PDB file of N, CA and C in Angstrom:
ATOM      1  N   MET A   1     -27.131 -24.478 -13.409  1.00  0.00           N
ATOM      2  CA  MET A   1     -26.443 -23.254 -13.723  1.00  0.00           C
ATOM      3  C   MET A   1     -24.756 -23.664 -13.788  1.00  0.00           C
ATOM      4  N   PHE A   2     -24.363 -24.470 -12.942  1.00  0.00           N
ATOM      5  CA  PHE A   2     -22.971 -25.138 -12.844  1.00  0.00           C
ATOM      6  C   PHE A   2     -22.760 -25.922 -13.871  1.00  0.00           C
ATOM      7  N   GLY A   3     -23.832 -26.855 -14.249  1.00  0.00           N
ATOM      8  CA  GLY A   3     -23.583 -27.717 -15.321  1.00  0.00           C
ATOM      9  C   GLY A   3     -23.454 -27.081 -16.650  1.00  0.00           C
ATOM     10  N   ASP A   4     -24.000 -25.958 -16.823  1.00  0.00           N
ATOM     11  CA  ASP A   4     -23.987 -25.228 -18.063  1.00  0.00           C
ATOM     12  C   ASP A   4     -22.288 -24.758 -18.053  1.00  0.00           C
ATOM     13  N   LEU A   5     -21.933 -24.210 -16.813  1.00  0.00           N
ATOM     14  CA  LEU A   5     -20.754 -23.521 -16.684  1.00  0.00           C
ATOM     15  C   LEU A   5     -19.579 -24.539 -16.997  1.00  0.00           C
ATOM     16  N   MET A   6     -19.903 -25.628 -16.395  1.00  0.00           N
ATOM     17  CA  MET A   6     -18.899 -26.788 -16.692  1.00  0.00           C
ATOM     18  C   MET A   6     -18.898 -27.315 -17.945  1.00  0.00           C
ATOM     19  N   GLY A   7     -19.955 -27.261 -18.639  1.00  0.00           N
ATOM     20  CA  GLY A   7     -20.126 -27.648 -19.979  1.00  0.00           C
ATOM     21  C   GLY A   7     -19.354 -26.526 -20.820  1.00  0.00           C
ATOM     22  N   MET A   8     -19.514 -25.490 -20.627  1.00  0.00           N
ATOM     23  CA  MET A   8     -18.781 -24.268 -21.613  1.00  0.00           C
ATOM     24  C   MET A   8     -17.209 -24.396 -21.294  1.00  0.00           C
ATOM     25  N   MET A   9     -16.822 -24.566 -20.263  1.00  0.00           N
ATOM     26  CA  MET A   9     -15.523 -24.707 -19.787  1.00  0.00           C
ATOM     27  C   MET A   9     -14.788 -25.962 -20.483  1.00  0.00           C
ATOM     28  N   GLY A  10     -15.492 -26.992 -20.339  1.00  0.00           N
ATOM     29  CA  GLY A  10     -15.253 -28.450 -21.321  1.00  0.00           C
ATOM     30  C   GLY A  10     -15.065 -27.881 -22.854  1.00  0.00           C
ATOM     31  N   LYS A  11     -15.933 -27.223 -23.265  1.00  0.00           N
ATOM     32  CA  LYS A  11     -16.132 -26.929 -24.668  1.00  0.00           C
ATOM     33  C   LYS A  11     -14.773 -25.947 -25.108  1.00  0.00           C
ATOM     34  N   LEU A  12     -14.724 -24.939 -24.317  1.00  0.00           N
ATOM     35  CA  LEU A  12     -13.410 -24.017 -24.611  1.00  0.00           C
ATOM     36  C   LEU A  12     -12.182 -24.760 -24.494  1.00  0.00           C
ATOM     37  N   LYS A  13     -11.980 -25.707 -23.445  1.00  0.00           N
ATOM     38  CA  LYS A  13     -10.742 -26.465 -23.633  1.00  0.00           C
ATOM     39  C   LYS A  13     -10.503 -27.309 -24.545  1.00  0.00           C
ATOM     40  N   GLU A  14     -11.694 -27.896 -25.170  1.00  0.00           N
ATOM     41  CA  GLU A  14     -11.558 -28.699 -26.414  1.00  0.00           C
ATOM     42  C   GLU A  14     -11.238 -27.863 -27.740  1.00  0.00           C
ATOM     43  N   THR A  15     -11.759 -26.754 -27.457  1.00  0.00           N
ATOM     44  CA  THR A  15     -11.656 -25.838 -28.699  1.00  0.00           C
ATOM     45  C   THR A  15     -10.378 -25.381 -28.735  1.00  0.00           C
ATOM     46  N   GLN A  16      -9.636 -25.104 -27.339  1.00  0.00           N
ATOM     47  CA  GLN A  16      -8.304 -24.856 -27.346  1.00  0.00           C
ATOM     48  C   GLN A  16      -7.239 -25.772 -27.860  1.00  0.00           C
ATOM     49  N   GLU A  17      -7.740 -26.975 -27.413  1.00  0.00           N
ATOM     50  CA  GLU A  17      -6.917 -28.080 -27.919  1.00  0.00           C
ATOM     51  C   GLU A  17      -6.854 -28.377 -29.707  1.00  0.00           C
ATOM     52  N   LYS A  18      -8.230 -28.184 -30.081  1.00  0.00           N
ATOM     53  CA  LYS A  18      -8.109 -28.186 -31.589  1.00  0.00           C
ATOM     54  C   LYS A  18      -7.435 -26.957 -32.168  1.00  0.00           C
ATOM     55  N   VAL A  19      -7.347 -25.808 -31.533  1.00  0.00           N
ATOM     56  CA  VAL A  19      -6.700 -24.566 -32.247  1.00  0.00           C
ATOM     57  C   VAL A  19      -5.147 -25.190 -31.888  1.00  0.00           C
ATOM     58  N   GLU A  20      -4.880 -25.534 -30.928  1.00  0.00           N
ATOM     59  CA  GLU A  20      -3.169 -25.922 -30.877  1.00  0.00           C
ATOM     60  C   GLU A  20      -3.050 -27.158 -32.000  1.00  0.00           C
ATOM     61  N   ALA A  21      -3.959 -28.180 -32.289  1.00  0.00           N
ATOM     62  CA  ALA A  21      -3.690 -29.135 -33.255  1.00  0.00           C
ATOM     63  C   ALA A  21      -3.482 -28.719 -34.524  1.00  0.00           C
ATOM     64  N   THR A  22      -4.437 -27.532 -34.810  1.00  0.00           N
ATOM     65  CA  THR A  22      -4.502 -26.761 -36.098  1.00  0.00           C
ATOM     66  C   THR A  22      -3.134 -26.149 -36.343  1.00  0.00           C
ATOM     67  N   LYS A  23      -2.774 -25.537 -35.543  1.00  0.00           N
ATOM     68  CA  LYS A  23      -1.435 -24.654 -35.423  1.00  0.00           C
ATOM     69  C   LYS A  23      -0.426 -25.708 -35.832  1.00  0.00           C
ATOM     70  N   LYS A  24      -0.293 -26.764 -35.279  1.00  0.00           N
ATOM     71  CA  LYS A  24       0.823 -27.831 -35.439  1.00  0.00           C
ATOM     72  C   LYS A  24       0.725 -28.325 -36.779  1.00  0.00           C
ATOM     73  N   ARG A  25      -0.598 -28.738 -37.462  1.00  0.00           N
ATOM     74  CA  ARG A  25      -0.798 -28.978 -38.691  1.00  0.00           C
ATOM     75  C   ARG A  25      -0.439 -28.076 -39.592  1.00  0.00           C
ATOM     76  N   LEU A  26      -0.476 -26.538 -39.389  1.00  0.00           N
ATOM     77  CA  LEU A  26      -0.237 -25.692 -40.125  1.00  0.00           C
ATOM     78  C   LEU A  26       1.421 -25.599 -40.445  1.00  0.00           C
ATOM     79  N   ASP A  27       2.176 -26.318 -39.706  1.00  0.00           N
ATOM     80  CA  ASP A  27       3.651 -26.421 -39.973  1.00  0.00           C
ATOM     81  C   ASP A  27       3.929 -27.411 -41.110  1.00  0.00           C
ATOM     82  N   THR A  28       3.088 -28.122 -41.382  1.00  0.00           N
ATOM     83  CA  THR A  28       3.245 -28.993 -42.568  1.00  0.00           C
ATOM     84  C   THR A  28       2.370 -28.202 -43.890  1.00  0.00           C
ATOM     85  N   VAL A  29       1.881 -27.254 -43.925  1.00  0.00           N
ATOM     86  CA  VAL A  29       1.230 -26.601 -44.945  1.00  0.00           C
ATOM     87  C   VAL A  29       2.226 -25.613 -45.736  1.00  0.00           C
ATOM     88  N   LEU A  30       2.725 -25.776 -46.960  1.00  0.00           N
ATOM     89  CA  LEU A  30       3.624 -25.209 -47.399  1.00  0.00           C
ATOM     90  C   LEU A  30       3.162 -24.005 -48.505  1.00  0.00           C
ATOM     91  N   ILE A  31       3.693 -22.970 -48.631  1.00  0.00           N
ATOM     92  CA  ILE A  31       3.243 -21.860 -49.619  1.00  0.00           C
ATOM     93  C   ILE A  31       4.565 -21.564 -50.167  1.00  0.00           C
ATOM     94  N   ASP A  32       4.516 -21.680 -51.461  1.00  0.00           N
ATOM     95  CA  ASP A  32       5.567 -21.238 -52.616  1.00  0.00           C
ATOM     96  C   ASP A  32       5.345 -20.043 -53.220  1.00  0.00           C
ATOM     97  N   GLU A  33       6.260 -19.371 -53.010  1.00  0.00           N
ATOM     98  CA  GLU A  33       6.181 -17.940 -53.770  1.00  0.00           C
ATOM     99  C   GLU A  33       7.390 -17.526 -54.628  1.00  0.00           C
ATOM    100  N   ALA A  34       7.109 -17.092 -55.671  1.00  0.00           N
ATOM    101  CA  ALA A  34       8.398 -16.601 -56.657  1.00  0.00           C
ATOM    102  C   ALA A  34       8.296 -15.382 -57.055  1.00  0.00           C
ATOM    103  N   SER A  35       9.583 -14.833 -57.323  1.00  0.00           N
ATOM    104  CA  SER A  35       9.318 -13.254 -58.089  1.00  0.00           C
ATOM    105  C   SER A  35       8.891 -13.536 -59.339  1.00  0.00           C
ATOM    106  N   SER A  36       8.462 -12.339 -59.862  1.00  0.00           N
ATOM    107  CA  SER A  36       8.056 -12.115 -61.269  1.00  0.00           C
ATOM    108  C   SER A  36       8.746 -12.910 -62.181  1.00  0.00           C
ATOM    109  N   ASP A  37      10.011 -13.046 -62.229  1.00  0.00           N
ATOM    110  CA  ASP A  37      10.654 -13.487 -63.262  1.00  0.00           C
ATOM    111  C   ASP A  37      11.314 -15.028 -63.108  1.00  0.00           C
ATOM    112  N   GLY A  38      10.612 -15.409 -61.811  1.00  0.00           N
ATOM    113  CA  GLY A  38      11.209 -16.734 -61.454  1.00  0.00           C
ATOM    114  C   GLY A  38      12.626 -16.935 -60.878  1.00  0.00           C
ATOM    115  N   SER A  39      13.166 -15.971 -60.931  1.00  0.00           N
ATOM    116  CA  SER A  39      14.966 -16.132 -60.307  1.00  0.00           C
ATOM    117  C   SER A  39      14.881 -16.443 -58.701  1.00  0.00           C
ATOM    118  N   LEU A  40      13.932 -16.190 -58.084  1.00  0.00           N
ATOM    119  CA  LEU A  40      13.978 -16.101 -56.609  1.00  0.00           C
ATOM    120  C   LEU A  40      12.782 -16.981 -56.192  1.00  0.00           C
ATOM    121  N   LYS A  41      12.922 -18.156 -55.556  1.00  0.00           N
ATOM    122  CA  LYS A  41      11.922 -18.869 -54.815  1.00  0.00           C
ATOM    123  C   LYS A  41      11.882 -18.772 -53.562  1.00  0.00           C
ATOM    124  N   ILE A  42      10.643 -18.808 -52.816  1.00  0.00           N
ATOM    125  CA  ILE A  42      10.623 -19.014 -51.439  1.00  0.00           C
ATOM    126  C   ILE A  42       9.661 -19.956 -50.919  1.00  0.00           C
ATOM    127  N   THR A  43       9.757 -20.763 -50.189  1.00  0.00           N
ATOM    128  CA  THR A  43       9.044 -21.748 -49.627  1.00  0.00           C
ATOM    129  C   THR A  43       8.808 -21.671 -48.131  1.00  0.00           C
ATOM    130  N   LEU A  44       7.510 -21.336 -47.542  1.00  0.00           N
ATOM    131  CA  LEU A  44       7.558 -21.118 -46.239  1.00  0.00           C
ATOM    132  C   LEU A  44       6.122 -21.895 -45.490  1.00  0.00           C
ATOM    133  N   THR A  45       5.842 -22.029 -44.325  1.00  0.00           N
ATOM    134  CA  THR A  45       4.926 -22.816 -43.661  1.00  0.00           C
ATOM    135  C   THR A  45       3.803 -21.852 -43.589  1.00  0.00           C
ATOM    136  N   ALA A  46       2.646 -22.255 -43.292  1.00  0.00           N
ATOM    137  CA  ALA A  46       1.532 -21.348 -42.900  1.00  0.00           C
ATOM    138  C   ALA A  46       1.714 -20.783 -41.667  1.00  0.00           C
ATOM    139  N   ASN A  47       2.641 -21.306 -40.774  1.00  0.00           N
ATOM    140  CA  ASN A  47       2.842 -20.686 -39.645  1.00  0.00           C
ATOM    141  C   ASN A  47       4.097 -19.804 -39.916  1.00  0.00           C
ATOM    142  N   ARG A  48       4.377 -19.241 -41.087  1.00  0.00           N
ATOM    143  CA  ARG A  48       5.404 -18.335 -41.305  1.00  0.00           C
ATOM    144  C   ARG A  48       6.953 -18.375 -41.156  1.00  0.00           C
ATOM    145  N   LYS A  49       7.079 -19.722 -41.113  1.00  0.00           N
ATOM    146  CA  LYS A  49       8.559 -20.198 -41.170  1.00  0.00           C
ATOM    147  C   LYS A  49       9.303 -20.418 -42.431  1.00  0.00           C
ATOM    148  N   ILE A  50      10.244 -19.943 -42.598  1.00  0.00           N
ATOM    149  CA  ILE A  50      11.005 -20.182 -43.811  1.00  0.00           C
ATOM    150  C   ILE A  50      11.408 -21.447 -43.960  1.00  0.00           C
ATOM    151  N   LYS A  51      11.236 -22.207 -44.984  1.00  0.00           N
ATOM    152  CA  LYS A  51      11.671 -23.765 -45.172  1.00  0.00           C
ATOM    153  C   LYS A  51      12.881 -23.758 -46.254  1.00  0.00           C
ATOM    154  N   ASN A  52      12.611 -22.861 -47.422  1.00  0.00           N
ATOM    155  CA  ASN A  52      13.643 -22.934 -48.558  1.00  0.00           C
ATOM    156  C   ASN A  52      13.660 -21.323 -49.221  1.00  0.00           C
ATOM    157  N   ILE A  53      15.035 -21.419 -49.754  1.00  0.00           N
ATOM    158  CA  ILE A  53      14.949 -20.085 -50.535  1.00  0.00           C
ATOM    159  C   ILE A  53      16.038 -20.625 -51.573  1.00  0.00           C
ATOM    160  N   GLU A  54      15.563 -20.165 -52.953  1.00  0.00           N
ATOM    161  CA  GLU A  54      16.387 -20.713 -54.007  1.00  0.00           C
ATOM    162  C   GLU A  54      16.711 -19.341 -54.896  1.00  0.00           C
ATOM    163  N   ILE A  55      18.007 -19.179 -55.038  1.00  0.00           N
ATOM    164  CA  ILE A  55      18.304 -17.895 -55.752  1.00  0.00           C
ATOM    165  C   ILE A  55      18.886 -18.098 -57.060  1.00  0.00           C
ATOM    166  N   ASP A  56      18.533 -17.806 -58.395  1.00  0.00           N
ATOM    167  CA  ASP A  56      19.307 -17.946 -59.350  1.00  0.00           C
ATOM    168  C   ASP A  56      20.479 -17.323 -59.482  1.00  0.00           C
ATOM    169  N   ASP A  57      21.559 -17.826 -60.190  1.00  0.00           N
ATOM    170  CA  ASP A  57      22.952 -17.210 -60.175  1.00  0.00           C
ATOM    171  C   ASP A  57      22.905 -15.871 -60.530  1.00  0.00           C
ATOM    172  N   SER A  58      22.107 -15.483 -61.461  1.00  0.00           N
ATOM    173  CA  SER A  58      22.054 -14.070 -62.081  1.00  0.00           C
ATOM    174  C   SER A  58      21.818 -13.039 -61.159  1.00  0.00           C
ATOM    175  N   LEU A  59      21.145 -13.334 -60.015  1.00  0.00           N
ATOM    176  CA  LEU A  59      20.714 -12.303 -58.950  1.00  0.00           C
ATOM    177  C   LEU A  59      22.290 -12.066 -57.881  1.00  0.00           C
ATOM    178  N   MET A  60      23.175 -13.129 -58.084  1.00  0.00           N
ATOM    179  CA  MET A  60      23.910 -12.951 -57.244  1.00  0.00           C
ATOM    180  C   MET A  60      24.948 -11.739 -57.618  1.00  0.00           C
ATOM    181  N   GLU A  61      24.603 -11.460 -58.878  1.00  0.00           N
ATOM    182  CA  GLU A  61      25.632 -10.306 -59.460  1.00  0.00           C
ATOM    183  C   GLU A  61      25.278  -8.835 -58.966  1.00  0.00           C
ATOM    184  N   ASP A  62      24.007  -8.778 -58.593  1.00  0.00           N
ATOM    185  CA  ASP A  62      23.485  -7.736 -58.358  1.00  0.00           C
ATOM    186  C   ASP A  62      22.568  -7.622 -56.992  1.00  0.00           C
ATOM    187  N   LYS A  63      23.344  -7.264 -56.028  1.00  0.00           N
ATOM    188  CA  LYS A  63      22.896  -7.092 -54.593  1.00  0.00           C
ATOM    189  C   LYS A  63      21.701  -6.274 -54.339  1.00  0.00           C
ATOM    190  N   GLU A  64      21.705  -5.230 -54.900  1.00  0.00           N
ATOM    191  CA  GLU A  64      20.520  -4.465 -54.728  1.00  0.00           C
ATOM    192  C   GLU A  64      19.161  -5.042 -55.341  1.00  0.00           C
ATOM    193  N   GLN A  65      19.176  -5.700 -56.615  1.00  0.00           N
ATOM    194  CA  GLN A  65      18.199  -6.475 -57.085  1.00  0.00           C
ATOM    195  C   GLN A  65      17.876  -7.743 -56.322  1.00  0.00           C
ATOM    196  N   LEU A  66      18.552  -8.285 -55.723  1.00  0.00           N
ATOM    197  CA  LEU A  66      18.406  -9.481 -54.865  1.00  0.00           C
ATOM    198  C   LEU A  66      17.617  -9.073 -53.635  1.00  0.00           C
ATOM    199  N   GLU A  67      18.374  -8.034 -53.076  1.00  0.00           N
ATOM    200  CA  GLU A  67      17.550  -7.317 -51.561  1.00  0.00           C
ATOM    201  C   GLU A  67      15.990  -7.228 -52.015  1.00  0.00           C
ATOM    202  N   ASP A  68      15.831  -6.443 -53.151  1.00  0.00           N
ATOM    203  CA  ASP A  68      14.335  -5.937 -53.495  1.00  0.00           C
ATOM    204  C   ASP A  68      13.476  -7.274 -53.875  1.00  0.00           C
ATOM    205  N   TYR A  69      14.076  -8.140 -54.436  1.00  0.00           N
ATOM    206  CA  TYR A  69      13.112  -9.562 -54.814  1.00  0.00           C
ATOM    207  C   TYR A  69      12.945 -10.138 -53.413  1.00  0.00           C
ATOM    208  N   LEU A  70      14.038 -10.345 -52.433  1.00  0.00           N
ATOM    209  CA  LEU A  70      13.965 -10.821 -51.409  1.00  0.00           C
ATOM    210  C   LEU A  70      12.759 -10.202 -50.488  1.00  0.00           C
ATOM    211  N   ILE A  71      12.724  -8.770 -50.529  1.00  0.00           N
ATOM    212  CA  ILE A  71      11.522  -8.110 -49.670  1.00  0.00           C
ATOM    213  C   ILE A  71      10.315  -8.319 -50.385  1.00  0.00           C
ATOM    214  N   LEU A  72      10.087  -8.055 -51.557  1.00  0.00           N
ATOM    215  CA  LEU A  72       8.780  -8.409 -52.245  1.00  0.00           C
ATOM    216  C   LEU A  72       8.182  -9.850 -52.228  1.00  0.00           C
ATOM    217  N   THR A  73       9.129 -10.829 -52.407  1.00  0.00           N
ATOM    218  CA  THR A  73       8.759 -12.044 -52.446  1.00  0.00           C
ATOM    219  C   THR A  73       8.394 -12.675 -51.075  1.00  0.00           C
ATOM    220  N   LEU A  74       9.214 -12.225 -50.408  1.00  0.00           N
ATOM    221  CA  LEU A  74       8.941 -12.691 -48.956  1.00  0.00           C
ATOM    222  C   LEU A  74       7.868 -11.760 -48.122  1.00  0.00           C
ATOM    223  N   ASN A  75       7.386 -10.758 -48.513  1.00  0.00           N
ATOM    224  CA  ASN A  75       6.269 -10.289 -48.092  1.00  0.00           C
ATOM    225  C   ASN A  75       4.995 -10.905 -48.743  1.00  0.00           C
ATOM    226  N   LYS A  76       5.115 -11.176 -50.160  1.00  0.00           N
ATOM    227  CA  LYS A  76       3.725 -11.764 -50.644  1.00  0.00           C
ATOM    228  C   LYS A  76       3.754 -13.280 -49.958  1.00  0.00           C
ATOM    229  N   ALA A  77       4.803 -14.063 -49.865  1.00  0.00           N
ATOM    230  CA  ALA A  77       4.559 -15.173 -49.261  1.00  0.00           C
ATOM    231  C   ALA A  77       4.076 -15.186 -47.725  1.00  0.00           C
ATOM    232  N   ILE A  78       4.515 -14.351 -46.860  1.00  0.00           N
ATOM    233  CA  ILE A  78       4.204 -14.269 -45.753  1.00  0.00           C
ATOM    234  C   ILE A  78       2.604 -13.788 -45.631  1.00  0.00           C
ATOM    235  N   GLU A  79       2.259 -12.839 -46.472  1.00  0.00           N
ATOM    236  CA  GLU A  79       0.847 -12.557 -46.542  1.00  0.00           C
ATOM    237  C   GLU A  79      -0.198 -13.723 -46.727  1.00  0.00           C
ATOM    238  N   LYS A  80       0.282 -14.569 -47.746  1.00  0.00           N
ATOM    239  CA  LYS A  80      -0.406 -15.756 -48.162  1.00  0.00           C
ATOM    240  C   LYS A  80      -0.370 -16.689 -46.745  1.00  0.00           C
ATOM    241  N   ALA A  81       0.660 -16.741 -46.453  1.00  0.00           N
ATOM    242  CA  ALA A  81       0.568 -17.799 -45.096  1.00  0.00           C
ATOM    243  C   ALA A  81      -0.113 -17.118 -44.087  1.00  0.00           C
ATOM    244  N   THR A  82      -0.119 -15.788 -43.551  1.00  0.00           N
ATOM    245  CA  THR A  82      -0.830 -15.294 -42.833  1.00  0.00           C
ATOM    246  C   THR A  82      -2.504 -15.459 -42.869  1.00  0.00           C
ATOM    247  N   ASN A  83      -2.802 -15.165 -44.257  1.00  0.00           N
ATOM    248  CA  ASN A  83      -4.167 -15.373 -44.538  1.00  0.00           C
ATOM    249  C   ASN A  83      -4.578 -16.858 -44.122  1.00  0.00           C
ATOM    250  N   ILE A  84      -3.771 -17.795 -44.865  1.00  0.00           N
ATOM    251  CA  ILE A  84      -4.299 -19.238 -44.483  1.00  0.00           C
ATOM    252  C   ILE A  84      -4.369 -19.604 -43.044  1.00  0.00           C
ATOM    253  N   HIS A  85      -3.391 -19.075 -42.169  1.00  0.00           N
ATOM    254  CA  HIS A  85      -3.233 -19.219 -40.936  1.00  0.00           C
ATOM    255  C   HIS A  85      -4.358 -18.681 -40.253  1.00  0.00           C
ATOM    256  N   GLU A  86      -4.701 -17.415 -40.458  1.00  0.00           N
ATOM    257  CA  GLU A  86      -5.914 -16.903 -39.606  1.00  0.00           C
ATOM    258  C   GLU A  86      -7.155 -17.425 -39.981  1.00  0.00           C
ATOM    259  N   ALA A  87      -7.387 -17.801 -41.402  1.00  0.00           N
ATOM    260  CA  ALA A  87      -8.580 -18.453 -41.604  1.00  0.00           C
ATOM    261  C   ALA A  87      -8.797 -19.810 -40.986  1.00  0.00           C
ATOM    262  N   GLU A  88      -7.860 -20.651 -40.942  1.00  0.00           N
ATOM    263  CA  GLU A  88      -7.783 -22.061 -40.274  1.00  0.00           C
ATOM    264  C   GLU A  88      -8.113 -21.807 -38.770  1.00  0.00           C
ATOM    265  N   VAL A  89      -7.447 -20.977 -38.259  1.00  0.00           N
ATOM    266  CA  VAL A  89      -7.261 -20.955 -36.611  1.00  0.00           C
ATOM    267  C   VAL A  89      -8.976 -20.524 -36.425  1.00  0.00           C
ATOM    268  N   ALA A  90      -9.335 -19.281 -37.153  1.00  0.00           N
ATOM    269  CA  ALA A  90     -10.676 -18.831 -36.784  1.00  0.00           C
ATOM    270  C   ALA A  90     -11.958 -19.674 -37.081  1.00  0.00           C
ATOM    271  N   ALA A  91     -11.377 -20.663 -38.231  1.00  0.00           N
ATOM    272  CA  ALA A  91     -12.440 -21.584 -38.206  1.00  0.00           C
ATOM    273  C   ALA A  91     -12.752 -22.506 -37.268  1.00  0.00           C
ATOM    274  N   VAL A  92     -11.914 -23.110 -36.693  1.00  0.00           N
ATOM    275  CA  VAL A  92     -11.652 -23.943 -35.451  1.00  0.00           C
ATOM    276  C   VAL A  92     -12.157 -23.332 -34.530  1.00  0.00           C
ATOM    277  N   ALA A  93     -11.865 -22.077 -34.182  1.00  0.00           N
ATOM    278  CA  ALA A  93     -12.290 -21.221 -32.856  1.00  0.00           C
ATOM    279  C   ALA A  93     -13.768 -21.151 -33.087  1.00  0.00           C
ATOM    280  N   LYS A  94     -14.347 -20.764 -34.170  1.00  0.00           N
ATOM    281  CA  LYS A  94     -15.678 -20.353 -34.380  1.00  0.00           C
ATOM    282  C   LYS A  94     -16.492 -21.772 -34.396  1.00  0.00           C
ATOM    283  N   GLU A  95     -15.879 -22.661 -34.621  1.00  0.00           N
ATOM    284  CA  GLU A  95     -16.737 -24.075 -34.489  1.00  0.00           C
ATOM    285  C   GLU A  95     -16.970 -24.439 -33.338  1.00  0.00           C
ATOM    286  N   GLY A  96     -15.857 -24.274 -32.387  1.00  0.00           N
ATOM    287  CA  GLY A  96     -15.968 -24.657 -30.710  1.00  0.00           C
ATOM    288  C   GLY A  96     -16.318 -23.686 -29.896  1.00  0.00           C
ATOM    289  N   MET A  97     -16.641 -22.526 -30.118  1.00  0.00           N
ATOM    290  CA  MET A  97     -17.176 -21.686 -29.272  1.00  0.00           C
ATOM    291  C   MET A  97     -18.638 -22.205 -28.720  1.00  0.00           C
ATOM    292  N   PRO A  98     -18.399 -21.801 -27.415  1.00  0.00           N
ATOM    293  CA  PRO A  98     -20.006 -22.136 -26.851  1.00  0.00           C
ATOM    294  C   PRO A  98     -20.905 -20.901 -27.179  1.00  0.00           C
ATOM    295  N   ASN A  99     -22.258 -21.310 -27.218  1.00  0.00           N
ATOM    296  CA  ASN A  99     -23.196 -20.211 -27.529  1.00  0.00           C
ATOM    297  C   ASN A  99     -23.438 -19.346 -26.135  1.00  0.00           C
ATOM    298  N   ILE A 100     -22.706 -18.097 -25.991  1.00  0.00           N
ATOM    299  CA  ILE A 100     -22.783 -17.202 -24.906  1.00  0.00           C
ATOM    300  C   ILE A 100     -23.546 -16.072 -25.370  1.00  0.00           C
ATOM    301  N   PRO A 101     -24.490 -15.957 -24.725  1.00  0.00           N
ATOM    302  CA  PRO A 101     -25.569 -14.779 -25.217  1.00  0.00           C
ATOM    303  C   PRO A 101     -24.630 -13.565 -25.027  1.00  0.00           C
ATOM    304  N   GLY A 102     -24.821 -12.559 -26.074  1.00  0.00           N
ATOM    305  CA  GLY A 102     -23.895 -11.441 -26.247  1.00  0.00           C
ATOM    306  C   GLY A 102     -22.533 -11.443 -26.531  1.00  0.00           C
ATOM    307  N   MET A 103     -22.299 -12.650 -26.892  1.00  0.00           N
ATOM    308  CA  MET A 103     -20.701 -12.911 -27.124  1.00  0.00           C
ATOM    309  C   MET A 103     -20.500 -13.231 -28.583  1.00  0.00           C
ATOM    310  N   ASP A 104     -21.152 -12.623 -29.384  1.00  0.00           N
ATOM    311  CA  ASP A 104     -21.044 -12.714 -31.281  1.00  0.00           C
ATOM    312  C   ASP A 104     -19.837 -12.251 -31.606  1.00  0.00           C
ATOM    313  N   MET A 105     -18.747 -13.025 -31.335  1.00  0.00           N
ATOM    314  CA  MET A 105     -17.478 -12.524 -31.529  1.00  0.00           C
ATOM    315  C   MET A 105     -17.216 -12.885 -33.124  1.00  0.00           C
ATOM    316  N   PHE A 106     -17.606 -13.905 -33.663  1.00  0.00           N
ATOM    317  CA  PHE A 106     -17.048 -14.361 -34.867  1.00  0.00           C
ATOM    318  C   PHE A 106     -18.387 -14.232 -35.845  1.00  0.00           C
ATOM    319  N   LYS A 107     -18.790 -12.987 -36.129  1.00  0.00           N
ATOM    320  CA  LYS A 107     -19.843 -12.749 -37.365  1.00  0.00           C
ATOM    321  C   LYS A 107     -19.220 -12.761 -38.593  1.00  0.00           C
TER     322      LYS A 107
END
């Protein structure tokens, strides 16, 4: 009984370490997103940290359009990054979860 429990605890700790390593690796996964006309480009990590924003000079003349483009483009980039982040972390967590009866969390 305790051997099984100790084995499960070890497996959980190992899985936690793998999840943390995956999160660290996601800092190196870059997502590029651009406005529909390409005048605004954003790069962020899969951990949703902004790395770069490029703004075409034409947008500097229209504050309202620039704000709209920033909102739309950032939201699209964040959604992509979130999807990648959640899929990667869930895959590692599912792979490392011990088989505990009644705990079918990742179906």
